[in-house]
Amino acid sequence: SQEKSVVNKMQQKYWKTKQTLIKVTGKKEDEHVVASDADLDAKLELFHSIQRTCMELLKAIELYQKRICFLSQEENELGKFLRSQGSQDKTRAGKMMQATGKALCFSSQQRLALRAPLSRLYQEVETFRYRAISDTWLTVNRMEQYRTEYRGALLWMKDVSQELDPDLYKQMEKFRKVQAQVRHAKLNFDKLKTDVCQKVDLLGASRCNLLSHVLTTYQTTLLHFWEKTSHTMAAIHESFKGYQPYEFTMLKSLQDPVNKLTEKAEKEDLQTESTKAVQQDQQTWSCAKCDLTCLRISVTAGDGEDVLSALQGRCNHKQNSGAIDDLLDLQPAENGMK
């Protein structure tokens, strides 16, 4: 019996090793066996995606923090430079440089506030990777071992069934032993398969909750940063509106943005003037329309001539030729009524 148990273990190791070689070398396996694990393979793809993207997110957060520090430092240096140069210039340009320099220094300080929620996000994702992902990874490894053992047992049973003779008792007994081994391996594999699917689902939901909770703080901080800096920049822009733009003679490449700003300001002025003219025309037309209504009421009452002459004088005073034409068109109707 001991010899049989040793032989049985050796045969199990043999078929398990053969299945491992098939998996490593990438040889084609039985399509029905592979199809039965389609849902499990989909969960494993999701797990590996979560594992990979968490690592990429940690690297991106670390790089993002470095870029924020570098940008804040450069912005602060530029602000100090503008303030120092503006203090030496007593013209309006000096005032603009000082105000812009203060705004840049303020923006650089506010930008550093983004590091706190980013640091918290980094810690939460790192903890999630070390605990939740590592635990799921251990379960996946155990499941893969039992799956290899189960598929190896299937190969063993397939090999035995090809040489099976139902009339021979020894071969039937051997087939029953292999069949029992397959059932035992399948029970272990199915249990871990269910555990893996449940853990991967829980892992995905936990990551979504983690990111939605932590990123809310980052989003709020970012919105406050942009509100403060945009308000400061807008105030500076309004305070120096109408200043004569500087013409660059040496660095001509800097002249194009200035020209674009000048053209934009001119277009805005023209648009404002045209809007005012349209509004004035609409007001004049509404007044003429009101006068026309009064004229019709007066004509009905029998005082058309006096009202017509009065309105014509009023319209001539307003220099509104369109309203006069409308009034003159009413003369035939007025004569007919008389």
Protein backbone atom coordinates (compact mmCIF):
# COMPACT_ATOMS: atom_id res chain seq x y z
CA SER A 1 0.00 0.00 0.00
CA GLN A 2 2.90 2.34 0.76
CA GLU A 3 4.41 1.62 -2.63
CA LYS A 4 1.06 2.37 -4.31
CA SER A 5 0.75 5.68 -2.44
CA VAL A 6 4.27 6.67 -3.45
CA VAL A 7 3.57 5.78 -7.08
CA ASN A 8 0.30 7.69 -6.92
CA LYS A 9 2.06 10.81 -5.62
CA MET A 10 4.73 10.53 -8.28
CA GLN A 11 2.07 10.29 -10.97
CA GLN A 12 0.30 13.37 -9.56
CA LYS A 13 3.57 15.32 -9.61
CA TYR A 14 4.27 14.16 -13.14
CA TRP A 15 0.95 15.36 -14.56
CA LYS A 16 1.07 18.57 -12.58
CA THR A 17 4.54 19.28 -13.94
CA LYS A 18 3.35 18.49 -17.45
CA GLN A 19 0.47 20.94 -17.08
CA THR A 20 2.91 23.58 -15.79
CA LEU A 21 5.11 23.10 -18.86
CA ILE A 22 2.08 23.43 -21.14
CA LYS A 23 1.16 26.70 -19.44
CA VAL A 24 4.70 28.10 -19.50
CA THR A 25 5.40 27.18 -23.11
CA GLY A 26 2.02 28.52 -24.21
CA LYS A 27 0.83 25.34 -25.88
CA LYS A 28 -2.82 25.06 -26.79
CA GLU A 29 -5.00 23.49 -24.10
CA ASP A 30 -8.39 21.87 -24.34
CA GLU A 31 -10.81 24.58 -25.50
CA HIS A 32 -13.67 23.30 -23.31
CA VAL A 33 -11.52 23.41 -20.18
CA VAL A 34 -10.34 26.93 -21.03
CA ALA A 35 -13.90 28.08 -21.76
CA SER A 36 -15.09 26.84 -18.37
CA ASP A 37 -12.72 29.34 -16.70
CA ALA A 38 -13.68 32.34 -18.86
CA ASP A 39 -15.30 34.24 -15.97
CA LEU A 40 -12.28 33.58 -13.76
CA ASP A 41 -9.87 34.79 -16.44
CA ALA A 42 -11.91 37.99 -16.81
CA LYS A 43 -11.62 38.62 -13.07
CA LEU A 44 -7.88 37.98 -13.22
CA GLU A 45 -7.51 40.54 -16.02
CA LEU A 46 -9.34 43.06 -13.86
CA PHE A 47 -7.09 42.26 -10.90
CA HIS A 48 -3.91 42.70 -12.93
CA SER A 49 -5.29 45.97 -14.30
CA ILE A 50 -5.93 47.25 -10.76
CA GLN A 51 -2.48 46.13 -9.69
CA ARG A 52 -0.78 47.84 -12.64
CA THR A 53 -2.76 51.09 -12.52
CA CYS A 54 -2.15 51.52 -8.79
CA MET A 55 1.59 51.39 -9.39
CA GLU A 56 1.28 53.86 -12.26
CA LEU A 57 -0.85 56.16 -10.11
CA LEU A 58 1.77 56.20 -7.35
CA LYS A 59 4.48 57.11 -9.86
CA ALA A 60 2.29 59.83 -11.38
CA ILE A 61 1.51 61.36 -7.97
CA GLU A 62 5.19 61.42 -7.05
CA LEU A 63 6.11 63.08 -10.34
CA TYR A 64 3.19 65.52 -10.03
CA GLN A 65 4.36 66.66 -6.59
CA LYS A 66 7.86 67.28 -7.92
CA ARG A 67 6.48 69.32 -10.82
CA ILE A 68 4.31 71.37 -8.45
CA CYS A 69 7.32 72.22 -6.28
CA PHE A 70 9.42 73.12 -9.31
CA LEU A 71 6.66 75.27 -10.85
CA SER A 72 5.98 77.02 -7.56
CA GLN A 73 9.68 77.79 -7.12
CA GLU A 74 10.02 79.18 -10.63
CA GLU A 75 6.83 81.22 -10.25
CA ASN A 76 8.07 82.67 -6.97
CA GLU A 77 11.44 83.59 -8.51
CA LEU A 78 9.71 85.32 -11.41
CA GLY A 79 7.49 87.24 -9.00
CA LYS A 80 10.48 88.41 -6.96
CA PHE A 81 12.28 89.49 -10.12
CA LEU A 82 9.30 91.54 -11.32
CA ARG A 83 8.91 93.19 -7.92
CA SER A 84 12.59 94.13 -7.75
CA GLN A 85 12.59 95.52 -11.28
CA GLY A 86 9.29 97.30 -10.75
CA SER A 87 10.59 99.08 -7.65
CA GLN A 88 13.35 100.63 -9.77
CA ASP A 89 10.95 101.79 -12.51
CA LYS A 90 8.84 104.81 -11.48
CA THR A 91 6.56 104.68 -14.53
CA ARG A 92 3.27 102.86 -14.97
CA ALA A 93 5.19 99.85 -16.25
CA GLY A 94 6.92 99.63 -12.87
CA LYS A 95 3.58 99.58 -11.07
CA MET A 96 2.36 96.84 -13.38
CA MET A 97 5.49 94.77 -12.77
CA GLN A 98 5.16 95.14 -9.00
CA ALA A 99 1.50 94.16 -9.01
CA THR A 100 2.13 91.20 -11.32
CA GLY A 101 5.09 90.10 -9.20
CA LYS A 102 2.99 90.12 -6.03
CA ALA A 103 0.29 88.11 -7.80
CA LEU A 104 2.83 85.52 -8.95
CA CYS A 105 4.31 85.18 -5.46
CA PHE A 106 0.80 84.74 -4.05
CA SER A 107 0.01 82.12 -6.69
CA SER A 108 3.20 80.18 -5.93
CA GLN A 109 2.31 80.02 -2.23
CA GLN A 110 -1.25 78.92 -2.92
CA ARG A 111 -0.07 76.25 -5.36
CA LEU A 112 1.85 74.47 -2.60
CA ALA A 113 -1.46 73.82 -0.83
CA LEU A 114 -2.12 71.12 -3.44
CA ARG A 115 0.61 68.95 -1.94
CA ALA A 116 -1.37 68.07 1.20
CA PRO A 117 -4.27 66.24 -0.53
CA LEU A 118 -1.81 64.66 -2.97
CA SER A 119 0.30 63.32 -0.10
CA ARG A 120 -2.79 61.85 1.50
CA LEU A 121 -3.81 60.28 -1.82
CA TYR A 122 -0.34 58.73 -2.15
CA GLN A 123 -0.51 57.24 1.36
CA GLU A 124 -4.01 55.84 0.85
CA VAL A 125 -3.15 54.22 -2.49
CA GLU A 126 0.09 52.80 -1.09
CA THR A 127 -1.74 51.30 1.90
CA PHE A 128 -4.37 49.89 -0.44
CA ARG A 129 -1.66 48.29 -2.57
CA TYR A 130 0.23 46.78 0.38
CA ARG A 131 -2.83 45.35 2.11
CA ALA A 132 -5.78 44.73 -0.20
CA ILE A 133 -3.89 43.97 -3.41
CA SER A 134 -1.27 41.84 -1.63
CA ASP A 135 -3.95 39.75 0.09
CA THR A 136 -5.78 39.20 -3.19
CA TRP A 137 -2.51 38.35 -4.91
CA LEU A 138 -1.79 35.58 -2.37
CA THR A 139 -5.25 34.11 -2.96
CA VAL A 140 -4.71 34.26 -6.72
CA ASN A 141 -1.40 32.40 -6.41
CA ARG A 142 -3.01 29.63 -4.35
CA MET A 143 -5.83 29.38 -6.85
CA GLU A 144 -3.37 29.08 -9.75
CA GLN A 145 -1.63 26.21 -7.98
CA TYR A 146 -4.89 24.33 -7.51
CA ARG A 147 -5.95 25.08 -11.07
CA THR A 148 -2.69 23.62 -12.37
CA GLU A 149 -3.22 20.56 -10.18
CA TYR A 150 -6.81 20.19 -11.38
CA ARG A 151 -5.93 20.48 -15.06
CA GLY A 152 -3.05 18.07 -14.56
CA ALA A 153 -5.50 15.58 -13.05
CA LEU A 154 -7.74 16.06 -16.10
CA LEU A 155 -4.81 15.22 -18.37
CA TRP A 156 -4.11 12.16 -16.26
CA MET A 157 -7.74 11.00 -16.45
CA LYS A 158 -7.77 11.60 -20.21
CA ASP A 159 -4.65 9.47 -20.61
CA VAL A 160 -6.09 6.67 -18.47
CA SER A 161 -9.44 6.72 -20.27
CA GLN A 162 -7.77 6.21 -23.63
CA GLU A 163 -6.33 2.89 -22.44
CA LEU A 164 -9.39 1.88 -20.44
CA ASP A 165 -10.83 -1.59 -20.91
CA PRO A 166 -14.10 -2.04 -18.97
CA ASP A 167 -13.58 -5.79 -18.81
CA LEU A 168 -10.34 -5.45 -16.86
CA TYR A 169 -10.86 -4.83 -13.15
CA LYS A 170 -7.43 -3.30 -12.54
CA GLN A 171 -7.88 -0.66 -15.21
CA MET A 172 -11.33 0.24 -13.90
CA GLU A 173 -9.95 0.53 -10.39
CA LYS A 174 -7.15 2.78 -11.63
CA PHE A 175 -9.64 4.95 -13.51
CA ARG A 176 -11.81 5.32 -10.37
CA LYS A 177 -8.79 6.42 -8.34
CA VAL A 178 -7.85 9.02 -10.94
CA GLN A 179 -11.47 10.16 -11.13
CA ALA A 180 -11.55 10.60 -7.35
CA GLN A 181 -8.34 12.62 -7.58
CA VAL A 182 -9.93 14.87 -10.22
CA ARG A 183 -13.00 15.44 -8.03
CA HIS A 184 -10.87 16.33 -5.02
CA ALA A 185 -8.75 18.76 -7.05
CA LYS A 186 -11.89 20.32 -8.54
CA LEU A 187 -13.39 20.95 -5.09
CA ASN A 188 -10.26 22.77 -3.93
CA PHE A 189 -10.06 24.74 -7.17
CA ASP A 190 -13.74 25.76 -7.14
CA LYS A 191 -13.48 27.03 -3.57
CA LEU A 192 -10.50 29.24 -4.34
CA LYS A 193 -12.05 30.28 -7.65
CA THR A 194 -15.07 31.67 -5.78
CA ASP A 195 -12.79 33.40 -3.26
CA VAL A 196 -10.80 35.06 -6.03
CA CYS A 197 -13.89 36.32 -7.87
CA GLN A 198 -15.36 37.77 -4.67
CA LYS A 199 -12.10 39.41 -3.62
CA VAL A 200 -11.54 40.98 -7.03
CA ASP A 201 -15.06 42.43 -7.03
CA LEU A 202 -14.53 43.79 -3.54
CA LEU A 203 -11.12 45.13 -4.55
CA GLY A 204 -12.56 47.09 -7.48
CA ALA A 205 -15.35 48.57 -5.36
CA SER A 206 -12.91 49.50 -2.59
CA ARG A 207 -10.63 51.28 -5.03
CA CYS A 208 -13.54 53.30 -6.45
CA ASN A 209 -14.65 54.36 -2.97
CA LEU A 210 -11.09 55.24 -2.01
CA LEU A 211 -10.45 57.43 -5.04
CA SER A 212 -13.84 59.14 -4.93
CA HIS A 213 -13.38 60.00 -1.24
CA VAL A 214 -9.77 61.20 -1.37
CA LEU A 215 -10.00 63.02 -4.71
CA THR A 216 -12.89 65.14 -3.41
CA THR A 217 -10.47 66.95 -1.09
CA TYR A 218 -7.99 67.46 -3.91
CA GLN A 219 -10.71 68.77 -6.23
CA THR A 220 -11.92 71.26 -3.60
CA THR A 221 -8.38 72.49 -2.94
CA LEU A 222 -7.70 72.86 -6.66
CA LEU A 223 -10.91 74.85 -7.20
CA HIS A 224 -10.06 77.19 -4.30
CA PHE A 225 -6.58 77.70 -5.75
CA TRP A 226 -7.92 78.65 -9.18
CA GLU A 227 -10.61 80.91 -7.70
CA LYS A 228 -8.09 82.85 -5.62
CA THR A 229 -5.48 83.20 -8.36
CA SER A 230 -8.00 84.04 -11.08
CA HIS A 231 -9.61 86.68 -8.86
CA THR A 232 -6.18 88.24 -8.20
CA MET A 233 -5.18 88.21 -11.87
CA ALA A 234 -8.55 89.62 -12.94
CA ALA A 235 -8.23 92.48 -10.45
CA ILE A 236 -4.79 93.35 -11.82
CA HIS A 237 -6.08 93.19 -15.38
CA GLU A 238 -8.96 95.54 -14.60
CA SER A 239 -6.80 98.01 -12.68
CA PHE A 240 -4.37 98.43 -15.58
CA LYS A 241 -6.95 98.40 -18.35
CA GLY A 242 -6.41 101.15 -20.92
CA TYR A 243 -2.66 101.51 -20.42
CA GLN A 244 -0.65 102.11 -23.56
CA PRO A 245 0.94 98.78 -24.58
CA TYR A 246 4.69 98.60 -24.80
CA GLU A 247 6.25 98.17 -28.24
CA PHE A 248 9.14 95.73 -28.29
CA THR A 249 11.92 96.72 -30.66
CA MET A 250 14.68 94.29 -29.70
CA LEU A 251 12.68 91.15 -28.82
CA LYS A 252 10.19 91.26 -31.66
CA SER A 253 8.89 87.80 -30.85
CA LEU A 254 7.23 89.32 -27.78
CA GLN A 255 5.36 91.84 -29.91
CA ASP A 256 2.88 89.32 -31.35
CA PRO A 257 1.06 88.65 -28.05
CA VAL A 258 0.85 92.41 -27.43
CA ASN A 259 -0.61 92.97 -30.90
CA LYS A 260 -3.18 90.25 -30.31
CA LEU A 261 -4.22 91.83 -27.03
CA THR A 262 -4.50 95.25 -28.68
CA GLU A 263 -6.60 93.88 -31.53
CA LYS A 264 -8.81 92.07 -29.05
CA ALA A 265 -9.35 95.27 -27.05
CA GLU A 266 -10.20 97.21 -30.21
CA LYS A 267 -12.72 94.56 -31.27
CA GLU A 268 -14.32 94.66 -27.84
CA ASP A 269 -14.60 98.48 -28.03
CA LEU A 270 -16.18 98.32 -31.49
CA GLN A 271 -18.59 95.65 -30.35
CA THR A 272 -19.55 97.75 -27.32
CA GLU A 273 -20.15 100.83 -29.49
CA SER A 274 -22.25 98.88 -31.98
CA THR A 275 -24.29 97.39 -29.14
CA LYS A 276 -24.95 100.85 -27.73
CA ALA A 277 -25.98 102.15 -31.18
CA VAL A 278 -28.40 99.26 -31.64
CA GLN A 279 -29.89 99.90 -28.22
CA GLN A 280 -30.34 103.60 -29.03
CA ASP A 281 -32.04 102.74 -32.33
CA GLN A 282 -34.34 100.34 -30.52
CA GLN A 283 -35.24 103.00 -27.96
CA THR A 284 -35.91 105.57 -30.72
CA TRP A 285 -38.05 103.09 -32.63
CA SER A 286 -40.02 102.23 -29.49
CA CYS A 287 -40.66 105.95 -28.89
CA ALA A 288 -41.82 106.40 -32.48
CA LYS A 289 -44.05 103.37 -32.16
CA CYS A 290 -45.59 104.79 -29.00
CA ASP A 291 -46.19 108.14 -30.72
CA LEU A 292 -47.80 106.31 -33.63
CA THR A 293 -50.19 104.57 -31.26
CA CYS A 294 -51.12 107.89 -29.68
CA LEU A 295 -51.73 109.34 -33.14
CA ARG A 296 -54.11 106.54 -34.07
CA ILE A 297 -56.08 107.01 -30.87
CA SER A 298 -56.26 110.78 -31.43
CA VAL A 299 -57.34 110.39 -35.07
CA THR A 300 -60.16 108.15 -33.95
CA ALA A 301 -61.26 110.87 -31.52
CA GLY A 302 -61.25 113.51 -34.31
CA ASP A 303 -58.08 115.39 -33.35
CA GLY A 304 -55.81 113.85 -35.98
CA GLU A 305 -54.50 117.00 -37.64
CA ASP A 306 -53.30 118.68 -34.46
CA VAL A 307 -51.67 115.53 -33.15
CA LEU A 308 -50.06 114.81 -36.54
CA SER A 309 -48.47 118.24 -36.73
CA ALA A 310 -47.26 118.00 -33.14
CA LEU A 311 -45.77 114.55 -33.66
CA GLN A 312 -44.12 115.61 -36.93
CA GLY A 313 -42.38 118.45 -35.12
CA ARG A 314 -41.32 116.11 -32.34
CA CYS A 315 -39.97 113.55 -34.76
CA ASN A 316 -38.08 116.22 -36.72
CA HIS A 317 -36.52 117.30 -33.45
CA LYS A 318 -35.38 113.70 -32.84
CA GLN A 319 -34.16 113.32 -36.44
CA ASN A 320 -35.95 110.07 -36.98
CA SER A 321 -36.86 109.86 -40.66
CA GLY A 322 -38.26 106.33 -40.39
CA ALA A 323 -40.91 107.38 -37.88
CA ILE A 324 -41.90 110.37 -40.07
CA ASP A 325 -42.51 108.09 -43.04
CA ASP A 326 -44.78 105.92 -40.93
CA LEU A 327 -46.71 108.95 -39.81
CA LEU A 328 -47.11 110.29 -43.37
CA ASP A 329 -48.53 106.99 -44.54
CA LEU A 330 -51.49 107.60 -42.31
CA GLN A 331 -52.63 110.78 -44.10
CA PRO A 332 -54.89 109.05 -46.71
CA ALA A 333 -56.63 107.11 -43.99
CA GLU A 334 -57.03 110.28 -41.96
CA ASN A 335 -58.65 112.15 -44.94
CA GLY A 336 -60.98 109.28 -45.57
CA MET A 337 -62.15 109.37 -41.97
CA LYS A 338 -62.89 113.06 -42.31
